[in-house]
Amino acid sequence: SPLKASVGKLPKIAPRQFTPPTAVITNPEPKLAVDPTIVVQP
């Protein structure tokens, strides 16, 4: 994006990531909703 990343909260912490976080929602009604996560020490 030409704009810098916008400020916001961090997603949940998990040992493995399946869905990356996003600030711009491009698919508001996904068929299988999976919460975004990041991999960070607890």
All heavy atoms as atom14 arrays in JSON, in Angstrom:
{
  "sequence": "SPLKASVGKLPKIAPRQFTPPTAVITNPEPKLAVDPTIVVQP",
  "atom14_mask": [
    [1, 1, 1, 1, 1, 1, 0, 0, 0, 0, 0, 0, 0, 0],
    [1, 1, 1, 1, 1, 1, 1, 0, 0, 0, 0, 0, 0, 0],
    [1, 1, 1, 1, 1, 1, 1, 1, 0, 0, 0, 0, 0, 0],
    [1, 1, 1, 1, 1, 1, 1, 1, 1, 0, 0, 0, 0, 0],
    [1, 1, 1, 1, 1, 0, 0, 0, 0, 0, 0, 0, 0, 0],
    [1, 1, 1, 1, 1, 1, 0, 0, 0, 0, 0, 0, 0, 0],
    [1, 1, 1, 1, 1, 1, 1, 0, 0, 0, 0, 0, 0, 0],
    [1, 1, 1, 1, 0, 0, 0, 0, 0, 0, 0, 0, 0, 0],
    [1, 1, 1, 1, 1, 1, 1, 1, 1, 0, 0, 0, 0, 0],
    [1, 1, 1, 1, 1, 1, 1, 1, 0, 0, 0, 0, 0, 0],
    [1, 1, 1, 1, 1, 1, 1, 0, 0, 0, 0, 0, 0, 0],
    [1, 1, 1, 1, 1, 1, 1, 1, 1, 0, 0, 0, 0, 0],
    [1, 1, 1, 1, 1, 1, 1, 1, 0, 0, 0, 0, 0, 0],
    [1, 1, 1, 1, 1, 0, 0, 0, 0, 0, 0, 0, 0, 0],
    [1, 1, 1, 1, 1, 1, 1, 0, 0, 0, 0, 0, 0, 0],
    [1, 1, 1, 1, 1, 1, 1, 1, 1, 1, 1, 0, 0, 0],
    [1, 1, 1, 1, 1, 1, 1, 1, 1, 0, 0, 0, 0, 0],
    [1, 1, 1, 1, 1, 1, 1, 1, 1, 1, 1, 0, 0, 0],
    [1, 1, 1, 1, 1, 1, 1, 0, 0, 0, 0, 0, 0, 0],
    [1, 1, 1, 1, 1, 1, 1, 0, 0, 0, 0, 0, 0, 0],
    [1, 1, 1, 1, 1, 1, 1, 0, 0, 0, 0, 0, 0, 0],
    [1, 1, 1, 1, 1, 1, 1, 0, 0, 0, 0, 0, 0, 0],
    [1, 1, 1, 1, 1, 0, 0, 0, 0, 0, 0, 0, 0, 0],
    [1, 1, 1, 1, 1, 1, 1, 0, 0, 0, 0, 0, 0, 0],
    [1, 1, 1, 1, 1, 1, 1, 1, 0, 0, 0, 0, 0, 0],
    [1, 1, 1, 1, 1, 1, 1, 0, 0, 0, 0, 0, 0, 0],
    [1, 1, 1, 1, 1, 1, 1, 1, 0, 0, 0, 0, 0, 0],
    [1, 1, 1, 1, 1, 1, 1, 0, 0, 0, 0, 0, 0, 0],
    [1, 1, 1, 1, 1, 1, 1, 1, 1, 0, 0, 0, 0, 0],
    [1, 1, 1, 1, 1, 1, 1, 0, 0, 0, 0, 0, 0, 0],
    [1, 1, 1, 1, 1, 1, 1, 1, 1, 0, 0, 0, 0, 0],
    [1, 1, 1, 1, 1, 1, 1, 1, 0, 0, 0, 0, 0, 0],
    [1, 1, 1, 1, 1, 0, 0, 0, 0, 0, 0, 0, 0, 0],
    [1, 1, 1, 1, 1, 1, 1, 0, 0, 0, 0, 0, 0, 0],
    [1, 1, 1, 1, 1, 1, 1, 1, 0, 0, 0, 0, 0, 0],
    [1, 1, 1, 1, 1, 1, 1, 0, 0, 0, 0, 0, 0, 0],
    [1, 1, 1, 1, 1, 1, 1, 0, 0, 0, 0, 0, 0, 0],
    [1, 1, 1, 1, 1, 1, 1, 1, 0, 0, 0, 0, 0, 0],
    [1, 1, 1, 1, 1, 1, 1, 0, 0, 0, 0, 0, 0, 0],
    [1, 1, 1, 1, 1, 1, 1, 0, 0, 0, 0, 0, 0, 0],
    [1, 1, 1, 1, 1, 1, 1, 1, 1, 0, 0, 0, 0, 0],
    [1, 1, 1, 1, 1, 1, 1, 0, 0, 0, 0, 0, 0, 0]
  ],
  "atom14_positions": [
    [[0.85, -1.19, 0.0], [0.0, 0.0, 0.0], [0.89, 1.24, 0.0], [1.97, 1.24, 0.61], [-0.91, 0.0, 1.22], [-1.62, 1.23, 1.32], [0.0, 0.0, 0.0], [0.0, 0.0, 0.0], [0.0, 0.0, 0.0], [0.0, 0.0, 0.0], [0.0, 0.0, 0.0], [0.0, 0.0, 0.0], [0.0, 0.0, 0.0], [0.0, 0.0, 0.0]],
    [[0.48, 2.31, -0.61], [1.26, 3.54, -0.55], [1.21, 4.22, 0.81], [2.04, 5.08, 1.1], [0.62, 4.43, -1.63], [-0.78, 3.91, -1.78], [-0.69, 2.45, -1.51], [0.0, 0.0, 0.0], [0.0, 0.0, 0.0], [0.0, 0.0, 0.0], [0.0, 0.0, 0.0], [0.0, 0.0, 0.0], [0.0, 0.0, 0.0], [0.0, 0.0, 0.0]],
    [[0.25, 3.82, 1.64], [0.12, 4.4, 2.96], [0.83, 3.53, 4.0], [0.91, 2.31, 3.87], [-1.37, 4.53, 3.34], [-2.23, 5.39, 2.42], [-3.68, 5.37, 2.88], [-1.69, 6.82, 2.39], [0.0, 0.0, 0.0], [0.0, 0.0, 0.0], [0.0, 0.0, 0.0], [0.0, 0.0, 0.0], [0.0, 0.0, 0.0], [0.0, 0.0, 0.0]],
    [[1.36, 4.17, 5.02], [1.98, 3.42, 6.1], [0.93, 2.65, 6.88], [-0.26, 2.97, 6.84], [2.74, 4.37, 7.03], [3.95, 5.03, 6.39], [4.7, 5.89, 7.4], [5.94, 6.5, 6.76], [6.69, 7.35, 7.74], [0.0, 0.0, 0.0], [0.0, 0.0, 0.0], [0.0, 0.0, 0.0], [0.0, 0.0, 0.0], [0.0, 0.0, 0.0]],
    [[1.39, 1.64, 7.61], [0.46, 0.8, 8.38], [-0.28, 1.63, 9.41], [0.31, 2.47, 10.1], [1.22, -0.33, 9.06], [0.0, 0.0, 0.0], [0.0, 0.0, 0.0], [0.0, 0.0, 0.0], [0.0, 0.0, 0.0], [0.0, 0.0, 0.0], [0.0, 0.0, 0.0], [0.0, 0.0, 0.0], [0.0, 0.0, 0.0], [0.0, 0.0, 0.0]],
    [[-1.56, 1.39, 9.49], [-2.4, 2.14, 10.42], [-2.27, 1.56, 11.83], [-1.93, 0.39, 12.03], [-3.86, 2.11, 9.96], [-4.31, 0.76, 9.84], [0.0, 0.0, 0.0], [0.0, 0.0, 0.0], [0.0, 0.0, 0.0], [0.0, 0.0, 0.0], [0.0, 0.0, 0.0], [0.0, 0.0, 0.0], [0.0, 0.0, 0.0], [0.0, 0.0, 0.0]],
    [[-2.55, 2.41, 12.82], [-2.45, 1.99, 14.21], [-3.65, 1.1, 14.55], [-4.77, 1.27, 14.02], [-2.38, 3.21, 15.14], [-3.69, 4.02, 15.09], [-2.05, 2.8, 16.56], [0.0, 0.0, 0.0], [0.0, 0.0, 0.0], [0.0, 0.0, 0.0], [0.0, 0.0, 0.0], [0.0, 0.0, 0.0], [0.0, 0.0, 0.0], [0.0, 0.0, 0.0]],
    [[-3.42, 0.13, 15.43], [-4.5, -0.77, 15.83], [-3.99, -1.77, 16.86], [-2.82, -1.74, 17.28], [0.0, 0.0, 0.0], [0.0, 0.0, 0.0], [0.0, 0.0, 0.0], [0.0, 0.0, 0.0], [0.0, 0.0, 0.0], [0.0, 0.0, 0.0], [0.0, 0.0, 0.0], [0.0, 0.0, 0.0], [0.0, 0.0, 0.0], [0.0, 0.0, 0.0]],
    [[-4.85, -2.68, 17.24], [-4.48, -3.67, 18.26], [-3.83, -4.88, 17.6], [-3.99, -5.13, 16.39], [-5.71, -4.1, 19.05], [-6.73, -4.88, 18.22], [-7.9, -5.34, 19.06], [-8.89, -6.14, 18.21], [-10.04, -6.63, 19.02], [0.0, 0.0, 0.0], [0.0, 0.0, 0.0], [0.0, 0.0, 0.0], [0.0, 0.0, 0.0], [0.0, 0.0, 0.0]],
    [[-3.14, -5.66, 18.4], [-2.5, -6.89, 17.94], [-3.49, -8.06, 18.02], [-4.34, -8.11, 18.91], [-1.27, -7.22, 18.79], [-0.08, -6.26, 18.68], [0.98, -6.62, 19.7], [0.5, -6.29, 17.27], [0.0, 0.0, 0.0], [0.0, 0.0, 0.0], [0.0, 0.0, 0.0], [0.0, 0.0, 0.0], [0.0, 0.0, 0.0], [0.0, 0.0, 0.0]],
    [[-3.39, -9.01, 17.12], [-4.25, -10.19, 17.22], [-3.79, -11.13, 18.33], [-2.82, -10.86, 19.04], [-4.12, -10.82, 15.83], [-2.77, -10.41, 15.36], [-2.54, -9.04, 15.93], [0.0, 0.0, 0.0], [0.0, 0.0, 0.0], [0.0, 0.0, 0.0], [0.0, 0.0, 0.0], [0.0, 0.0, 0.0], [0.0, 0.0, 0.0], [0.0, 0.0, 0.0]],
    [[-4.47, -12.22, 18.44], [-4.13, -13.2, 19.48], [-2.78, -13.85, 19.19], [-2.35, -13.94, 18.05], [-5.21, -14.28, 19.57], [-6.55, -13.78, 20.05], [-7.51, -14.94, 20.3], [-7.75, -15.75, 19.04], [-8.74, -16.83, 19.28], [0.0, 0.0, 0.0], [0.0, 0.0, 0.0], [0.0, 0.0, 0.0], [0.0, 0.0, 0.0], [0.0, 0.0, 0.0]],
    [[-2.15, -14.3, 20.26], [-0.87, -15.01, 20.14], [-1.14, -16.5, 20.04], [-1.97, -17.05, 20.77], [0.02, -14.71, 21.36], [0.38, -13.22, 21.41], [1.29, -15.56, 21.35], [1.12, -12.82, 22.65], [0.0, 0.0, 0.0], [0.0, 0.0, 0.0], [0.0, 0.0, 0.0], [0.0, 0.0, 0.0], [0.0, 0.0, 0.0], [0.0, 0.0, 0.0]],
    [[-0.45, -17.17, 19.15], [-0.62, -18.61, 18.95], [0.73, -19.22, 18.6], [1.64, -18.54, 18.11], [-1.64, -18.87, 17.84], [0.0, 0.0, 0.0], [0.0, 0.0, 0.0], [0.0, 0.0, 0.0], [0.0, 0.0, 0.0], [0.0, 0.0, 0.0], [0.0, 0.0, 0.0], [0.0, 0.0, 0.0], [0.0, 0.0, 0.0], [0.0, 0.0, 0.0]],
    [[0.91, -20.53, 18.87], [2.18, -21.17, 18.52], [2.39, -21.34, 17.03], [3.51, -21.58, 16.58], [2.09, -22.53, 19.22], [0.63, -22.78, 19.38], [-0.01, -21.45, 19.57], [0.0, 0.0, 0.0], [0.0, 0.0, 0.0], [0.0, 0.0, 0.0], [0.0, 0.0, 0.0], [0.0, 0.0, 0.0], [0.0, 0.0, 0.0], [0.0, 0.0, 0.0]],
    [[1.32, -21.21, 16.25], [1.44, -21.35, 14.81], [0.39, -20.46, 14.15], [-0.72, -20.31, 14.66], [1.23, -22.81, 14.39], [1.43, -23.06, 12.9], [1.43, -24.55, 12.61], [2.53, -25.22, 13.29], [2.76, -26.53, 13.21], [1.95, -27.3, 12.49], [3.78, -27.07, 13.85], [0.0, 0.0, 0.0], [0.0, 0.0, 0.0], [0.0, 0.0, 0.0]],
    [[0.77, -19.89, 13.02], [-0.14, -18.97, 12.33], [-0.81, -19.66, 11.15], [-0.15, -20.32, 10.33], [0.62, -17.74, 11.83], [-0.29, -16.67, 11.2], [0.49, -15.53, 10.57], [1.09, -15.71, 9.51], [0.51, -14.37, 11.23], [0.0, 0.0, 0.0], [0.0, 0.0, 0.0], [0.0, 0.0, 0.0], [0.0, 0.0, 0.0], [0.0, 0.0, 0.0]],
    [[-2.13, -19.52, 11.09], [-2.9, -20.02, 9.95], [-3.46, -18.88, 9.09], [-3.56, -19.01, 7.87], [-4.06, -20.91, 10.42], [-3.61, -22.17, 11.08], [-3.54, -22.27, 12.45], [-3.26, -23.27, 10.32], [-3.11, -23.45, 13.06], [-2.84, -24.45, 10.9], [-2.77, -24.53, 12.28], [0.0, 0.0, 0.0], [0.0, 0.0, 0.0], [0.0, 0.0, 0.0]],
    [[-3.8, -17.78, 9.76], [-4.32, -16.63, 9.03], [-3.58, -15.38, 9.48], [-3.54, -15.08, 10.68], [-5.82, -16.44, 9.31], [-6.52, -17.62, 8.91], [-6.38, -15.25, 8.53], [0.0, 0.0, 0.0], [0.0, 0.0, 0.0], [0.0, 0.0, 0.0], [0.0, 0.0, 0.0], [0.0, 0.0, 0.0], [0.0, 0.0, 0.0], [0.0, 0.0, 0.0]],
    [[-2.93, -14.64, 8.56], [-2.22, -13.41, 8.95], [-3.21, -12.3, 9.28], [-4.34, -12.27, 8.76], [-1.39, -13.08, 7.72], [-2.12, -13.7, 6.59], [-2.77, -14.93, 7.13], [0.0, 0.0, 0.0], [0.0, 0.0, 0.0], [0.0, 0.0, 0.0], [0.0, 0.0, 0.0], [0.0, 0.0, 0.0], [0.0, 0.0, 0.0], [0.0, 0.0, 0.0]],
    [[-2.79, -11.36, 10.13], [-3.7, -10.24, 10.44], [-3.81, -9.27, 9.27], [-2.92, -9.19, 8.41], [-3.02, -9.59, 11.65], [-1.57, -9.92, 11.48], [-1.52, -11.27, 10.84], [0.0, 0.0, 0.0], [0.0, 0.0, 0.0], [0.0, 0.0, 0.0], [0.0, 0.0, 0.0], [0.0, 0.0, 0.0], [0.0, 0.0, 0.0], [0.0, 0.0, 0.0]],
    [[-4.88, -8.52, 9.26], [-5.08, -7.52, 8.21], [-5.88, -6.35, 8.76], [-6.77, -6.53, 9.59], [-5.82, -8.13, 7.0], [-6.01, -7.11, 6.0], [-7.17, -8.71, 7.39], [0.0, 0.0, 0.0], [0.0, 0.0, 0.0], [0.0, 0.0, 0.0], [0.0, 0.0, 0.0], [0.0, 0.0, 0.0], [0.0, 0.0, 0.0], [0.0, 0.0, 0.0]],
    [[-5.51, -5.16, 8.33], [-6.24, -3.96, 8.73], [-7.32, -3.6, 7.72], [-8.27, -2.88, 8.05], [-5.28, -2.79, 8.91], [0.0, 0.0, 0.0], [0.0, 0.0, 0.0], [0.0, 0.0, 0.0], [0.0, 0.0, 0.0], [0.0, 0.0, 0.0], [0.0, 0.0, 0.0], [0.0, 0.0, 0.0], [0.0, 0.0, 0.0], [0.0, 0.0, 0.0]],
    [[-7.17, -4.06, 6.48], [-8.13, -3.79, 5.42], [-8.87, -5.09, 5.12], [-8.26, -6.07, 4.66], [-7.45, -3.25, 4.16], [-8.48, -3.0, 3.07], [-6.67, -1.97, 4.47], [0.0, 0.0, 0.0], [0.0, 0.0, 0.0], [0.0, 0.0, 0.0], [0.0, 0.0, 0.0], [0.0, 0.0, 0.0], [0.0, 0.0, 0.0], [0.0, 0.0, 0.0]],
    [[-10.14, -5.15, 5.39], [-10.93, -6.37, 5.2], [-11.4, -6.4, 3.75], [-12.18, -5.55, 3.31], [-12.12, -6.4, 6.17], [-11.63, -6.37, 7.61], [-12.98, -7.64, 5.91], [-12.73, -6.3, 8.64], [0.0, 0.0, 0.0], [0.0, 0.0, 0.0], [0.0, 0.0, 0.0], [0.0, 0.0, 0.0], [0.0, 0.0, 0.0], [0.0, 0.0, 0.0]],
    [[-10.92, -7.37, 3.0], [-11.31, -7.52, 1.6], [-12.37, -8.58, 1.41], [-13.02, -8.61, 0.36], [-10.08, -7.88, 0.76], [-9.5, -9.09, 1.27], [-9.05, -6.76, 0.82], [0.0, 0.0, 0.0], [0.0, 0.0, 0.0], [0.0, 0.0, 0.0], [0.0, 0.0, 0.0], [0.0, 0.0, 0.0], [0.0, 0.0, 0.0], [0.0, 0.0, 0.0]],
    [[-12.56, -9.46, 2.38], [-13.57, -10.52, 2.27], [-14.39, -10.51, 3.56], [-14.08, -11.23, 4.52], [-12.91, -11.87, 2.06], [-13.95, -12.97, 1.8], [-15.14, -12.69, 1.61], [-13.49, -14.22, 1.81], [0.0, 0.0, 0.0], [0.0, 0.0, 0.0], [0.0, 0.0, 0.0], [0.0, 0.0, 0.0], [0.0, 0.0, 0.0], [0.0, 0.0, 0.0]],
    [[-15.44, -9.7, 3.62], [-16.19, -9.56, 4.87], [-16.95, -10.82, 5.27], [-17.28, -11.0, 6.43], [-17.15, -8.4, 4.57], [-17.29, -8.39, 3.1], [-15.97, -8.85, 2.55], [0.0, 0.0, 0.0], [0.0, 0.0, 0.0], [0.0, 0.0, 0.0], [0.0, 0.0, 0.0], [0.0, 0.0, 0.0], [0.0, 0.0, 0.0], [0.0, 0.0, 0.0]],
    [[-17.28, -11.71, 4.32], [-18.06, -12.91, 4.62], [-17.33, -14.15, 4.08], [-17.69, -14.72, 3.05], [-19.46, -12.81, 4.02], [-20.29, -11.67, 4.61], [-21.68, -11.6, 3.98], [-21.95, -12.44, 3.08], [-22.48, -10.75, 4.38], [0.0, 0.0, 0.0], [0.0, 0.0, 0.0], [0.0, 0.0, 0.0], [0.0, 0.0, 0.0], [0.0, 0.0, 0.0]],
    [[-16.25, -14.56, 4.77], [-15.53, -15.75, 4.29], [-16.33, -17.02, 4.57], [-17.16, -17.08, 5.47], [-14.24, -15.72, 5.11], [-14.62, -15.02, 6.37], [-15.64, -13.99, 5.97], [0.0, 0.0, 0.0], [0.0, 0.0, 0.0], [0.0, 0.0, 0.0], [0.0, 0.0, 0.0], [0.0, 0.0, 0.0], [0.0, 0.0, 0.0], [0.0, 0.0, 0.0]],
    [[-16.09, -18.07, 3.75], [-16.78, -19.33, 3.95], [-16.33, -20.03, 5.23], [-17.12, -20.7, 5.89], [-16.54, -20.24, 2.74], [-17.18, -19.71, 1.46], [-16.95, -20.69, 0.31], [-17.59, -20.18, -0.97], [-17.4, -21.12, -2.11], [0.0, 0.0, 0.0], [0.0, 0.0, 0.0], [0.0, 0.0, 0.0], [0.0, 0.0, 0.0], [0.0, 0.0, 0.0]],
    [[-15.05, -19.9, 5.55], [-14.52, -20.49, 6.77], [-13.72, -19.42, 7.5], [-12.62, -19.07, 7.08], [-13.61, -21.7, 6.46], [-13.0, -22.41, 7.68], [-14.09, -22.98, 8.58], [-12.07, -23.52, 7.22], [0.0, 0.0, 0.0], [0.0, 0.0, 0.0], [0.0, 0.0, 0.0], [0.0, 0.0, 0.0], [0.0, 0.0, 0.0], [0.0, 0.0, 0.0]],
    [[-14.33, -18.9, 8.55], [-13.7, -17.81, 9.3], [-12.66, -18.38, 10.27], [-12.97, -19.27, 11.06], [-14.74, -16.99, 10.04], [0.0, 0.0, 0.0], [0.0, 0.0, 0.0], [0.0, 0.0, 0.0], [0.0, 0.0, 0.0], [0.0, 0.0, 0.0], [0.0, 0.0, 0.0], [0.0, 0.0, 0.0], [0.0, 0.0, 0.0], [0.0, 0.0, 0.0]],
    [[-11.43, -17.87, 10.18], [-10.35, -18.27, 11.08], [-9.75, -17.0, 11.67], [-9.4, -16.07, 10.92], [-9.27, -19.09, 10.34], [-8.14, -19.47, 11.32], [-9.88, -20.33, 9.71], [0.0, 0.0, 0.0], [0.0, 0.0, 0.0], [0.0, 0.0, 0.0], [0.0, 0.0, 0.0], [0.0, 0.0, 0.0], [0.0, 0.0, 0.0], [0.0, 0.0, 0.0]],
    [[-9.64, -16.98, 12.98], [-9.1, -15.78, 13.64], [-7.63, -15.59, 13.27], [-6.84, -16.54, 13.27], [-9.22, -15.92, 15.16], [-10.67, -15.9, 15.62], [-11.51, -15.34, 14.89], [-10.95, -16.45, 16.7], [0.0, 0.0, 0.0], [0.0, 0.0, 0.0], [0.0, 0.0, 0.0], [0.0, 0.0, 0.0], [0.0, 0.0, 0.0], [0.0, 0.0, 0.0]],
    [[-7.24, -14.35, 12.96], [-5.83, -14.08, 12.66], [-4.98, -14.17, 13.93], [-5.45, -13.86, 15.03], [-5.85, -12.67, 12.08], [-7.08, -12.04, 12.66], [-8.09, -13.14, 12.8], [0.0, 0.0, 0.0], [0.0, 0.0, 0.0], [0.0, 0.0, 0.0], [0.0, 0.0, 0.0], [0.0, 0.0, 0.0], [0.0, 0.0, 0.0], [0.0, 0.0, 0.0]],
    [[-3.74, -14.56, 13.76], [-2.83, -14.72, 14.89], [-1.42, -14.28, 14.49], [-1.12, -14.14, 13.3], [-2.77, -16.18, 15.38], [-2.35, -17.0, 14.29], [-4.11, -16.66, 15.89], [0.0, 0.0, 0.0], [0.0, 0.0, 0.0], [0.0, 0.0, 0.0], [0.0, 0.0, 0.0], [0.0, 0.0, 0.0], [0.0, 0.0, 0.0], [0.0, 0.0, 0.0]],
    [[-0.59, -14.06, 15.5], [0.84, -13.87, 15.3], [1.58, -14.84, 16.24], [1.03, -15.27, 17.26], [1.29, -12.42, 15.57], [0.87, -11.97, 16.97], [0.75, -11.48, 14.51], [1.38, -10.59, 17.37], [0.0, 0.0, 0.0], [0.0, 0.0, 0.0], [0.0, 0.0, 0.0], [0.0, 0.0, 0.0], [0.0, 0.0, 0.0], [0.0, 0.0, 0.0]],
    [[2.81, -15.17, 15.9], [3.6, -16.12, 16.69], [4.58, -15.32, 17.55], [5.59, -14.81, 17.04], [4.34, -17.12, 15.78], [5.15, -18.1, 16.62], [3.36, -17.85, 14.88], [0.0, 0.0, 0.0], [0.0, 0.0, 0.0], [0.0, 0.0, 0.0], [0.0, 0.0, 0.0], [0.0, 0.0, 0.0], [0.0, 0.0, 0.0], [0.0, 0.0, 0.0]],
    [[4.27, -15.2, 18.83], [5.07, -14.42, 19.77], [5.13, -15.2, 21.08], [4.16, -15.88, 21.45], [4.46, -13.01, 20.0], [5.25, -12.24, 21.06], [4.44, -12.24, 18.7], [0.0, 0.0, 0.0], [0.0, 0.0, 0.0], [0.0, 0.0, 0.0], [0.0, 0.0, 0.0], [0.0, 0.0, 0.0], [0.0, 0.0, 0.0], [0.0, 0.0, 0.0]],
    [[6.25, -15.11, 21.77], [6.37, -15.75, 23.08], [5.33, -15.18, 24.04], [5.05, -13.99, 24.04], [7.78, -15.6, 23.65], [8.25, -14.17, 23.83], [8.98, -13.65, 22.61], [8.59, -13.94, 21.49], [10.04, -12.88, 22.84], [0.0, 0.0, 0.0], [0.0, 0.0, 0.0], [0.0, 0.0, 0.0], [0.0, 0.0, 0.0], [0.0, 0.0, 0.0]],
    [[4.72, -16.07, 24.89], [3.61, -15.61, 25.74], [4.0, -14.52, 26.74], [3.16, -13.7, 27.1], [3.19, -16.9, 26.48], [3.67, -18.01, 25.62], [4.93, -17.51, 24.98], [0.0, 0.0, 0.0], [0.0, 0.0, 0.0], [0.0, 0.0, 0.0], [0.0, 0.0, 0.0], [0.0, 0.0, 0.0], [0.0, 0.0, 0.0], [0.0, 0.0, 0.0]]
  ]
}
